[in-house]
Amino acid sequence: MSMLLLAGKRVAEAVLHALFDENPKPRYLVVPGQEQAEWTIYRAIERLVVQNKDQKYSYDREALIEMFDKAMARPTPKSGQESSDLLSWIWPKGAMSGS
């Protein structure tokens, strides 16, 4: 099977999963190989580092690792779940509103 057909098949499988599975993922990563997956994840980490750097509420490495560990321990959220629900593991209800 050609690489183009294989890539199309992988995309189609992800779309079918997203549309019809009882537990669709909130995000899908469809890449042709390990190298592209690594690059994609590395870019997400780079964006996190840039966003965290030199701002009023920057987090140190240990705090970021603790957040990462908490996120990795959580079950995968269902597609369409509210973003406030996704962050409830780090901020208790009312923490952001000052209540």
Protein backbone atom coordinates (compact mmCIF):
# COMPACT_ATOMS: atom_id res chain seq x y z
CA MET A 1 0.00 0.00 0.00
CA SER A 2 1.41 3.43 -0.90
CA MET A 3 2.27 5.94 1.84
CA LEU A 4 -0.46 8.28 0.58
CA LEU A 5 -3.12 5.57 0.78
CA LEU A 6 -1.87 4.47 4.21
CA ALA A 7 -2.00 8.08 5.47
CA GLY A 8 -5.53 8.46 4.12
CA LYS A 9 -6.58 5.22 5.79
CA ARG A 10 -5.19 6.39 9.15
CA VAL A 11 -7.02 9.73 8.86
CA ALA A 12 -10.25 7.95 7.91
CA GLU A 13 -9.92 5.61 10.91
CA ALA A 14 -9.43 8.59 13.25
CA VAL A 15 -12.45 10.39 11.77
CA LEU A 16 -14.64 7.29 12.10
CA HIS A 17 -13.49 6.84 15.70
CA ALA A 18 -14.23 10.49 16.47
CA LEU A 19 -17.70 10.32 14.94
CA PHE A 20 -18.94 6.92 16.00
CA ASP A 21 -17.02 5.59 19.00
CA GLU A 22 -18.78 5.69 22.37
CA ASN A 23 -15.67 7.33 23.86
CA PRO A 24 -14.10 9.60 21.24
CA LYS A 25 -10.85 11.31 22.16
CA PRO A 26 -10.77 15.11 22.47
CA ARG A 27 -7.72 15.23 20.15
CA TYR A 28 -6.21 12.87 17.58
CA LEU A 29 -2.60 12.76 16.40
CA VAL A 30 -2.38 11.12 12.99
CA VAL A 31 1.18 11.12 11.69
CA PRO A 32 3.11 8.83 9.37
CA GLY A 33 5.73 7.82 11.93
CA GLN A 34 7.54 8.15 15.24
CA GLU A 35 9.65 11.09 14.07
CA GLN A 36 6.61 13.23 13.21
CA ALA A 37 4.88 12.29 16.47
CA GLU A 38 7.98 13.28 18.45
CA TRP A 39 8.26 16.58 16.56
CA THR A 40 4.58 17.38 17.19
CA ILE A 41 4.81 16.70 20.94
CA TYR A 42 8.11 18.56 21.18
CA ARG A 43 6.52 21.64 19.54
CA ALA A 44 3.70 21.54 22.11
CA ILE A 45 6.29 21.45 24.90
CA GLU A 46 8.19 24.35 23.28
CA ARG A 47 4.99 26.42 23.23
CA LEU A 48 4.45 25.66 26.93
CA VAL A 49 8.01 26.75 27.76
CA VAL A 50 7.69 30.00 25.78
CA GLN A 51 4.32 30.82 27.35
CA ASN A 52 5.63 30.13 30.87
CA LYS A 53 8.89 32.07 30.50
CA ASP A 54 9.40 35.52 32.05
CA GLN A 55 5.86 36.24 33.09
CA LYS A 56 4.41 37.29 36.43
CA TYR A 57 3.24 33.79 37.32
CA SER A 58 5.97 31.62 35.79
CA TYR A 59 6.31 28.10 37.16
CA ASP A 60 9.60 26.43 37.96
CA ARG A 61 10.56 23.03 36.57
CA GLU A 62 9.33 21.13 39.63
CA ALA A 63 5.90 22.79 39.51
CA LEU A 64 5.57 22.08 35.79
CA ILE A 65 6.55 18.44 36.31
CA GLU A 66 3.97 18.14 39.10
CA MET A 67 1.29 19.56 36.78
CA PHE A 68 2.41 17.22 34.01
CA ASP A 69 2.28 14.20 36.34
CA LYS A 70 -1.25 15.15 37.49
CA ALA A 71 -2.38 15.55 33.88
CA MET A 72 -0.88 12.17 32.91
CA ALA A 73 -2.65 10.47 35.84
CA ARG A 74 -6.08 11.74 34.84
CA PRO A 75 -8.32 9.67 32.61
CA THR A 76 -8.68 10.96 29.05
CA PRO A 77 -11.54 13.48 28.97
CA LYS A 78 -14.46 12.83 26.68
CA SER A 79 -14.78 14.86 23.51
CA GLY A 80 -16.79 18.03 24.06
CA GLN A 81 -16.14 18.13 27.82
CA GLU A 82 -16.06 21.66 29.17
CA SER A 83 -12.57 23.11 29.50
CA SER A 84 -13.39 24.22 33.05
CA ASP A 85 -14.05 20.56 33.88
CA LEU A 86 -10.72 19.59 32.36
CA LEU A 87 -8.86 22.01 34.64
CA SER A 88 -10.71 21.15 37.84
CA TRP A 89 -7.86 18.84 38.87
CA ILE A 90 -5.57 21.84 39.26
CA TRP A 91 -7.90 24.64 40.34
CA PRO A 92 -10.62 24.01 42.92
CA LYS A 93 -14.08 25.35 42.06
CA GLY A 94 -14.25 29.09 42.65
CA ALA A 95 -10.46 29.58 42.79
CA MET A 96 -10.41 31.63 39.60
CA SER A 97 -13.39 33.81 40.57
CA GLY A 98 -12.00 34.69 44.00
CA SER A 99 -14.81 32.95 45.89
